[in-house]
């Protein structure tokens, strides 16, 4: 039987989550993003949010509330 080892590159919790995200307006986003930029979007209870994957790549987790419900957005 072969045994596999797990090697950690970063220490646990090395990359901090975003716990109080700040959003820009649609108009600001249209000036800062291009059509090929990827986002993770959520819509719930009439509220809509988008999270840039470029931004998520640096932080990996955003803890947020959408439509009155807590969510964890990961990438």
N, C-alpha and C. Protein backbone atom coordinates (compact mmCIF):
# COMPACT_ATOMS: atom_id res chain seq x y z
N UNK A 1 0.85 -1.18 0.00
CA UNK A 1 0.00 0.00 0.00
C UNK A 1 0.89 1.24 0.00
N UNK A 2 0.54 2.19 -0.84
CA UNK A 2 1.30 3.43 -0.96
C UNK A 2 0.74 4.48 -0.01
N UNK A 3 1.62 5.18 0.68
CA UNK A 3 1.21 6.23 1.61
C UNK A 3 1.52 7.59 0.98
N UNK A 4 0.53 8.46 0.98
CA UNK A 4 0.72 9.81 0.45
C UNK A 4 0.90 10.78 1.60
N UNK A 5 1.78 11.73 1.42
CA UNK A 5 2.02 12.75 2.43
C UNK A 5 1.44 14.07 1.97
N UNK A 6 0.90 14.83 2.89
CA UNK A 6 0.40 16.16 2.61
C UNK A 6 1.46 17.16 3.07
N UNK A 7 1.86 18.02 2.15
CA UNK A 7 2.85 19.05 2.47
C UNK A 7 2.16 20.40 2.44
N UNK A 8 2.21 21.11 3.53
CA UNK A 8 1.61 22.43 3.61
C UNK A 8 2.60 23.47 3.11
N UNK A 9 2.12 24.33 2.23
CA UNK A 9 2.96 25.39 1.72
C UNK A 9 2.80 26.65 2.58
N UNK A 10 1.57 26.94 2.96
CA UNK A 10 1.29 28.10 3.80
C UNK A 10 0.76 27.61 5.14
N UNK A 11 1.04 28.38 6.15
CA UNK A 11 0.52 28.04 7.48
C UNK A 11 -1.00 28.18 7.50
N UNK A 12 -1.64 27.44 8.37
CA UNK A 12 -3.09 27.51 8.52
C UNK A 12 -3.51 28.95 8.80
N UNK A 13 -4.58 29.38 8.12
CA UNK A 13 -5.13 30.74 8.26
C UNK A 13 -4.15 31.83 7.82
N UNK A 14 -3.17 31.48 6.99
CA UNK A 14 -2.20 32.46 6.51
C UNK A 14 -2.87 33.54 5.66
N UNK A 15 -3.83 33.14 4.83
CA UNK A 15 -4.56 34.08 3.99
C UNK A 15 -5.83 34.46 4.74
N UNK A 16 -5.94 35.72 5.10
CA UNK A 16 -7.09 36.15 5.90
C UNK A 16 -8.34 36.32 5.03
N UNK A 17 -9.48 36.02 5.62
CA UNK A 17 -10.74 36.22 4.93
C UNK A 17 -11.11 37.69 4.94
N UNK A 18 -11.99 38.07 4.04
CA UNK A 18 -12.55 39.42 4.04
C UNK A 18 -13.87 39.32 4.78
N UNK A 19 -13.97 40.01 5.90
CA UNK A 19 -15.17 39.91 6.73
C UNK A 19 -16.10 41.11 6.61
N UNK A 20 -15.62 42.19 6.05
CA UNK A 20 -16.47 43.37 5.83
C UNK A 20 -16.20 43.89 4.42
N UNK A 21 -16.71 43.19 3.40
CA UNK A 21 -16.42 43.59 2.02
C UNK A 21 -17.00 44.96 1.68
N UNK A 22 -16.30 45.67 0.83
CA UNK A 22 -16.74 46.97 0.33
C UNK A 22 -17.00 46.81 -1.16
N UNK A 23 -18.15 47.27 -1.63
CA UNK A 23 -18.53 47.11 -3.02
C UNK A 23 -18.51 48.43 -3.75
N UNK A 24 -18.29 48.35 -5.06
CA UNK A 24 -18.35 49.54 -5.90
C UNK A 24 -19.66 49.51 -6.70
N UNK A 25 -20.03 50.64 -7.25
CA UNK A 25 -21.27 50.72 -8.02
C UNK A 25 -21.10 50.03 -9.38
N UNK A 26 -22.20 49.77 -10.04
CA UNK A 26 -22.17 49.19 -11.38
C UNK A 26 -21.41 50.10 -12.32
N UNK A 27 -21.60 51.40 -12.20
CA UNK A 27 -20.91 52.35 -13.05
C UNK A 27 -19.40 52.28 -12.84
N UNK A 28 -18.97 52.20 -11.57
CA UNK A 28 -17.53 52.08 -11.28
C UNK A 28 -16.98 50.75 -11.80
N UNK A 29 -17.76 49.69 -11.66
CA UNK A 29 -17.32 48.38 -12.14
C UNK A 29 -17.16 48.39 -13.66
N UNK A 30 -18.06 49.07 -14.36
CA UNK A 30 -17.96 49.11 -15.83
C UNK A 30 -16.72 49.86 -16.29
N UNK A 31 -16.18 50.73 -15.45
CA UNK A 31 -14.95 51.45 -15.78
C UNK A 31 -13.70 50.67 -15.38
N UNK A 32 -13.83 49.74 -14.42
CA UNK A 32 -12.67 49.00 -13.90
C UNK A 32 -12.55 47.58 -14.43
N UNK A 33 -13.62 47.02 -14.96
CA UNK A 33 -13.61 45.64 -15.45
C UNK A 33 -13.82 45.62 -16.95
N UNK A 34 -13.31 44.58 -17.59
CA UNK A 34 -13.57 44.37 -19.01
C UNK A 34 -14.43 43.12 -19.15
N UNK A 35 -15.00 42.94 -20.33
CA UNK A 35 -15.95 41.84 -20.55
C UNK A 35 -15.39 40.46 -20.21
N UNK A 36 -14.10 40.27 -20.34
CA UNK A 36 -13.53 38.93 -20.08
C UNK A 36 -13.20 38.70 -18.60
N UNK A 37 -13.29 39.72 -17.76
CA UNK A 37 -13.05 39.55 -16.32
C UNK A 37 -14.13 38.66 -15.72
N UNK A 38 -13.71 37.71 -14.90
CA UNK A 38 -14.64 36.78 -14.28
C UNK A 38 -15.09 37.28 -12.92
N UNK A 39 -16.34 37.01 -12.60
CA UNK A 39 -16.88 37.33 -11.28
C UNK A 39 -17.72 36.16 -10.80
N UNK A 40 -17.86 36.04 -9.51
CA UNK A 40 -18.82 35.13 -8.88
C UNK A 40 -19.99 36.00 -8.50
N UNK A 41 -21.17 35.67 -8.97
CA UNK A 41 -22.33 36.51 -8.67
C UNK A 41 -23.34 35.75 -7.83
N UNK A 42 -24.01 36.48 -6.95
CA UNK A 42 -25.05 35.92 -6.10
C UNK A 42 -26.28 36.83 -6.16
N UNK A 43 -27.43 36.21 -6.20
CA UNK A 43 -28.70 36.94 -6.11
C UNK A 43 -29.57 36.18 -5.13
N UNK A 44 -30.08 36.91 -4.13
CA UNK A 44 -30.92 36.26 -3.13
C UNK A 44 -31.84 37.31 -2.51
N UNK A 45 -33.11 36.99 -2.41
CA UNK A 45 -34.10 37.89 -1.81
C UNK A 45 -34.04 39.31 -2.37
N UNK A 46 -33.84 39.41 -3.70
CA UNK A 46 -33.83 40.71 -4.35
C UNK A 46 -32.54 41.50 -4.25
N UNK A 47 -31.52 40.92 -3.63
CA UNK A 47 -30.22 41.59 -3.53
C UNK A 47 -29.24 40.89 -4.46
N UNK A 48 -28.38 41.66 -5.12
CA UNK A 48 -27.45 41.13 -6.11
C UNK A 48 -26.05 41.64 -5.82
N UNK A 49 -25.07 40.73 -5.85
CA UNK A 49 -23.68 41.11 -5.61
C UNK A 49 -22.78 40.32 -6.55
N UNK A 50 -21.63 40.92 -6.86
CA UNK A 50 -20.63 40.25 -7.69
C UNK A 50 -19.27 40.39 -7.01
N UNK A 51 -18.51 39.32 -7.05
CA UNK A 51 -17.19 39.27 -6.42
C UNK A 51 -16.16 38.96 -7.51
N UNK A 52 -15.20 39.82 -7.71
CA UNK A 52 -14.17 39.64 -8.72
C UNK A 52 -13.31 38.42 -8.39
N UNK A 53 -13.12 37.53 -9.37
CA UNK A 53 -12.28 36.35 -9.10
C UNK A 53 -10.82 36.76 -8.94
N UNK A 54 -10.40 37.85 -9.58
CA UNK A 54 -9.02 38.33 -9.38
C UNK A 54 -8.83 38.73 -7.92
N UNK A 55 -9.81 39.39 -7.36
CA UNK A 55 -9.76 39.79 -5.95
C UNK A 55 -9.86 38.56 -5.04
N UNK A 56 -10.76 37.64 -5.39
CA UNK A 56 -10.92 36.43 -4.58
C UNK A 56 -9.66 35.57 -4.60
N UNK A 57 -8.92 35.59 -5.68
CA UNK A 57 -7.70 34.79 -5.77
C UNK A 57 -6.68 35.21 -4.73
N UNK A 58 -6.72 36.48 -4.33
CA UNK A 58 -5.78 36.97 -3.33
C UNK A 58 -6.25 36.71 -1.91
N UNK A 59 -7.53 36.51 -1.71
CA UNK A 59 -8.07 36.36 -0.35
C UNK A 59 -8.78 35.03 -0.12
N UNK A 60 -9.30 34.43 -1.16
CA UNK A 60 -9.93 33.12 -1.16
C UNK A 60 -11.29 33.03 -0.50
N UNK A 61 -11.57 33.80 0.54
CA UNK A 61 -12.86 33.71 1.23
C UNK A 61 -13.38 35.10 1.56
N UNK A 62 -14.65 35.32 1.22
CA UNK A 62 -15.33 36.54 1.64
C UNK A 62 -16.54 36.11 2.47
N UNK A 63 -16.61 36.58 3.69
CA UNK A 63 -17.79 36.36 4.53
C UNK A 63 -18.68 37.58 4.37
N UNK A 64 -19.93 37.34 3.98
CA UNK A 64 -20.81 38.45 3.64
C UNK A 64 -22.24 38.10 4.04
N UNK A 65 -23.13 39.04 3.83
CA UNK A 65 -24.56 38.82 4.02
C UNK A 65 -25.25 39.27 2.75
N UNK A 66 -26.12 38.44 2.22
CA UNK A 66 -26.88 38.81 1.03
C UNK A 66 -28.33 38.41 1.24
N UNK A 67 -29.21 39.34 1.01
CA UNK A 67 -30.63 39.08 1.21
C UNK A 67 -30.96 38.67 2.63
N UNK A 68 -30.17 39.17 3.58
CA UNK A 68 -30.40 38.86 4.98
C UNK A 68 -29.82 37.53 5.46
N UNK A 69 -29.11 36.82 4.59
CA UNK A 69 -28.53 35.53 4.96
C UNK A 69 -27.01 35.58 4.90
N UNK A 70 -26.33 35.03 5.90
CA UNK A 70 -24.87 34.99 5.84
C UNK A 70 -24.38 33.99 4.78
N UNK A 71 -23.33 34.37 4.07
CA UNK A 71 -22.75 33.49 3.05
C UNK A 71 -21.23 33.54 3.14
N UNK A 72 -20.60 32.50 2.69
CA UNK A 72 -19.15 32.47 2.52
C UNK A 72 -18.91 32.25 1.04
N UNK A 73 -18.24 33.20 0.41
CA UNK A 73 -17.93 33.11 -1.03
C UNK A 73 -16.47 32.68 -1.12
N UNK A 74 -16.21 31.58 -1.84
CA UNK A 74 -14.85 31.07 -1.95
C UNK A 74 -14.48 30.90 -3.41
N UNK A 75 -13.17 30.94 -3.65
CA UNK A 75 -12.68 30.76 -5.01
C UNK A 75 -11.42 29.95 -4.95
